[in-house]
Amino acid sequence: MEPRGNDIAGWTQMVESNFGLICTELSRAAKIEATLRDSHDKIVLSMRYFAGTAKKDDPLAVTMHLVAQDLAEVQDHRDVMINRMDNAVVGRLFEYKTTVQNFRKTSRQYRNQVQDPLFKASMDSFSANVCDIKKILSDYVCIEMAFHARALEALTKAHQHLQAKGTRECRLPPANNLSGGCLLRVAESEHSLSGTPDGNKDARP
């Protein structure tokens, strides 16, 4: 049964109105990922700063540095995912939205002339674009899978680094192994928790 022009026009209008929502939400998801990347970058910087307060051979500092590297790797993969989302998914979907709009105009023009060669050519072109949209969404799924697979690898390394260290790292190191800056921060923390008026007097090397 040949499709009627009215049916096609109604279908394209439905696709157009709903397709815009898909494009908008995918674009919003990419922006959220960018915000997550920036937030996790700050976590990595904080961990590296913490590791830098102790001597380089301090076990906890070494572990913290390794874990920070692993977490930074996750954000590198997230950044790749964001760029691929913008270029291979969101950008192409918005281009396809224009294709739907153009086809809707054609379907209205040939509403009662579905046998017209120009209309049939337009219909064939639109059908090819329907296949393109499936390819774009397939790329989106693959991009997501690639990120989560690589992120899992990096997070697994971080977990292994944390589990590989002994219980000695769970204790405070001797005072002579702490840098002056670290001692000052420890003293300030004790002062803020205890509420004593002079929390730094016992923190001298």
Protein backbone atom coordinates (compact mmCIF):
# COMPACT_ATOMS: atom_id res chain seq x y z
CA MET A 1 0.00 0.00 0.00
CA GLU A 2 1.44 3.34 -1.07
CA PRO A 3 1.74 5.96 1.67
CA ARG A 4 -0.53 8.96 1.34
CA GLY A 5 0.86 12.47 1.34
CA ASN A 6 -1.18 13.43 4.40
CA ASP A 7 0.13 10.44 6.35
CA ILE A 8 3.73 11.26 5.47
CA ALA A 9 3.30 14.93 6.39
CA GLY A 10 1.82 13.98 9.76
CA TRP A 11 4.59 11.49 10.43
CA THR A 12 7.38 13.92 9.58
CA GLN A 13 5.79 16.57 11.81
CA MET A 14 5.71 14.10 14.69
CA VAL A 15 9.35 13.13 14.08
CA GLU A 16 10.43 16.74 13.88
CA SER A 17 8.79 17.75 17.15
CA ASN A 18 10.17 14.77 19.09
CA PHE A 19 13.53 14.70 17.39
CA GLY A 20 14.33 18.18 18.64
CA LEU A 21 13.92 16.93 22.21
CA ILE A 22 16.37 14.06 21.59
CA CYS A 23 18.94 16.48 20.18
CA THR A 24 18.52 18.86 23.11
CA GLU A 25 18.86 16.14 25.77
CA LEU A 26 21.94 14.61 24.15
CA SER A 27 23.54 18.04 23.96
CA ARG A 28 22.69 18.59 27.62
CA ALA A 29 24.21 15.22 28.54
CA ALA A 30 27.49 16.21 26.85
CA LYS A 31 27.57 19.45 28.87
CA ILE A 32 26.94 17.52 32.09
CA GLU A 33 29.87 15.23 31.26
CA ALA A 34 32.05 18.31 30.78
CA THR A 35 31.03 19.56 34.23
CA LEU A 36 31.85 16.17 35.74
CA ARG A 37 35.25 16.22 34.04
CA ASP A 38 36.07 19.63 35.52
CA SER A 39 34.94 18.55 39.01
CA HIS A 40 37.01 15.37 38.92
CA ASP A 41 40.02 17.32 37.66
CA LYS A 42 39.81 19.35 40.87
CA ILE A 43 39.75 16.14 42.91
CA VAL A 44 42.90 14.96 41.13
CA LEU A 45 44.64 18.29 41.80
CA SER A 46 43.70 18.07 45.48
CA MET A 47 45.09 14.54 45.74
CA ARG A 48 48.34 15.60 44.06
CA TYR A 49 48.63 18.54 46.42
CA PHE A 50 48.09 16.24 49.38
CA ALA A 51 50.77 13.85 48.08
CA GLY A 52 53.18 16.77 47.71
CA THR A 53 52.97 17.71 51.39
CA ALA A 54 54.95 14.64 52.45
CA LYS A 55 58.36 13.35 51.40
CA LYS A 56 58.44 11.65 48.03
CA ASP A 57 59.33 8.26 49.53
CA ASP A 58 56.44 8.35 51.98
CA PRO A 59 54.23 5.30 51.20
CA LEU A 60 50.96 7.20 51.47
CA ALA A 61 52.23 9.99 49.25
CA VAL A 62 53.35 7.46 46.64
CA THR A 63 49.97 5.74 46.70
CA MET A 64 48.10 9.03 46.48
CA HIS A 65 50.18 10.07 43.48
CA LEU A 66 49.50 6.79 41.67
CA VAL A 67 45.78 6.95 42.36
CA ALA A 68 45.67 10.57 41.17
CA GLN A 69 47.30 9.46 37.91
CA ASP A 70 44.68 6.75 37.44
CA LEU A 71 41.81 9.12 38.12
CA ALA A 72 43.32 11.67 35.74
CA GLU A 73 43.36 8.96 33.08
CA VAL A 74 39.62 8.48 33.58
CA GLN A 75 39.06 12.17 32.90
CA ASP A 76 41.24 11.98 29.79
CA HIS A 77 38.93 9.27 28.48
CA ARG A 78 35.91 11.35 29.49
CA ASP A 79 37.29 14.30 27.53
CA VAL A 80 37.65 12.11 24.43
CA MET A 81 34.07 10.93 24.90
CA ILE A 82 32.80 14.53 25.12
CA ASN A 83 34.58 15.54 21.91
CA ARG A 84 33.30 12.49 20.07
CA MET A 85 29.78 13.13 21.36
CA ASP A 86 29.85 16.71 20.09
CA ASN A 87 31.22 15.82 16.66
CA ALA A 88 29.88 12.35 15.86
CA VAL A 89 26.50 12.51 17.59
CA VAL A 90 25.12 15.91 18.56
CA GLY A 91 26.39 17.78 15.50
CA ARG A 92 25.17 15.13 13.08
CA LEU A 93 21.78 14.89 14.79
CA PHE A 94 21.17 18.60 14.41
CA GLU A 95 22.07 18.29 10.73
CA TYR A 96 19.53 15.50 10.42
CA LYS A 97 16.92 17.71 12.07
CA THR A 98 17.31 20.09 9.12
CA THR A 99 16.80 17.16 6.74
CA VAL A 100 13.50 16.32 8.45
CA GLN A 101 12.34 19.90 8.18
CA ASN A 102 13.12 19.99 4.44
CA PHE A 103 11.33 16.70 3.86
CA ARG A 104 8.24 17.97 5.67
CA LYS A 105 8.09 20.91 3.28
CA THR A 106 8.40 18.56 0.30
CA SER A 107 5.69 16.24 1.61
CA ARG A 108 3.30 19.18 1.92
CA GLN A 109 4.09 20.33 -1.60
CA TYR A 110 3.35 16.87 -3.04
CA ARG A 111 0.61 15.96 -0.57
CA ASN A 112 -1.67 14.52 -3.28
CA GLN A 113 1.07 13.52 -5.71
CA VAL A 114 2.79 10.59 -4.03
CA GLN A 115 3.50 9.06 -7.46
CA ASP A 116 5.41 12.11 -8.61
CA PRO A 117 9.04 11.20 -9.47
CA LEU A 118 10.37 14.15 -7.46
CA PHE A 119 8.40 13.07 -4.42
CA LYS A 120 9.59 9.48 -4.76
CA ALA A 121 13.20 10.66 -5.03
CA SER A 122 12.72 12.76 -1.91
CA MET A 123 11.19 9.76 -0.13
CA ASP A 124 14.15 7.55 -1.07
CA SER A 125 16.56 10.19 0.21
CA PHE A 126 14.64 10.47 3.46
CA SER A 127 14.62 6.67 3.89
CA ALA A 128 18.41 6.69 3.51
CA ASN A 129 18.59 9.34 6.22
CA VAL A 130 16.52 7.14 8.52
CA CYS A 131 19.31 4.58 8.24
CA ASP A 132 21.79 7.36 9.02
CA ILE A 133 20.01 8.19 12.27
CA LYS A 134 20.32 4.57 13.38
CA LYS A 135 24.04 4.75 12.59
CA ILE A 136 24.41 7.95 14.62
CA LEU A 137 22.65 6.44 17.63
CA SER A 138 24.75 3.30 17.26
CA ASP A 139 27.87 5.49 17.36
CA TYR A 140 26.52 7.13 20.52
CA VAL A 141 26.15 3.76 22.23
CA CYS A 142 29.65 2.70 21.14
CA ILE A 143 31.15 5.96 22.43
CA GLU A 144 29.51 5.39 25.80
CA MET A 145 30.69 1.78 25.95
CA ALA A 146 34.26 2.73 25.02
CA PHE A 147 34.42 5.36 27.75
CA HIS A 148 33.04 3.11 30.48
CA ALA A 149 35.30 0.22 29.46
CA ARG A 150 38.43 2.39 29.56
CA ALA A 151 37.31 4.16 32.71
CA LEU A 152 36.80 0.78 34.39
CA GLU A 153 40.36 -0.22 33.49
CA ALA A 154 41.78 2.97 35.04
CA LEU A 155 39.59 2.69 38.13
CA THR A 156 40.64 -0.94 38.54
CA LYS A 157 44.28 0.18 38.60
CA ALA A 158 43.42 2.81 41.21
CA HIS A 159 41.71 0.19 43.35
CA GLN A 160 44.68 -2.16 43.02
CA HIS A 161 47.09 0.60 44.07
CA LEU A 162 45.00 1.25 47.17
CA GLN A 163 44.65 -2.43 48.08
CA ALA A 164 48.32 -3.26 47.48
CA LYS A 165 49.58 -1.10 50.34
CA GLY A 166 49.99 -2.33 53.91
CA THR A 167 48.34 -1.12 57.07
CA ARG A 168 51.43 0.92 57.94
CA GLU A 169 50.10 3.67 55.69
CA CYS A 170 46.97 3.94 57.81
CA ARG A 171 49.03 5.39 60.66
CA LEU A 172 50.52 8.83 60.93
CA PRO A 173 54.23 8.84 59.95
CA PRO A 174 56.89 9.93 62.48
CA ALA A 175 57.18 13.68 62.96
CA ASN A 176 60.62 13.78 61.33
CA ASN A 177 59.12 12.41 58.08
CA LEU A 178 56.64 15.26 57.77
CA SER A 179 57.45 18.49 55.98
CA GLY A 180 56.90 21.77 57.76
CA GLY A 181 53.92 22.56 55.57
CA CYS A 182 52.27 19.26 56.39
CA LEU A 183 52.89 19.74 60.12
CA LEU A 184 51.28 23.14 59.95
CA ARG A 185 48.20 21.74 58.24
CA VAL A 186 47.94 18.91 60.79
CA ALA A 187 48.16 21.44 63.61
CA GLU A 188 45.53 23.68 62.01
CA SER A 189 43.21 20.69 61.64
CA GLU A 190 43.66 19.72 65.29
CA HIS A 191 43.00 23.30 66.31
CA SER A 192 39.79 23.52 64.28
CA LEU A 193 38.55 20.22 65.75
CA SER A 194 39.52 20.80 69.38
CA GLY A 195 38.77 24.51 69.58
CA THR A 196 41.97 25.17 71.57
CA PRO A 197 43.25 28.76 71.39
CA ASP A 198 46.78 27.78 70.37
CA GLY A 199 46.65 24.68 68.22
CA ASN A 200 50.05 25.31 66.58
CA LYS A 201 52.25 25.42 69.68
CA ASP A 202 52.87 21.63 69.68
CA ALA A 203 53.36 21.41 65.91
CA ARG A 204 56.93 22.65 65.81
CA PRO A 205 59.43 20.22 64.25
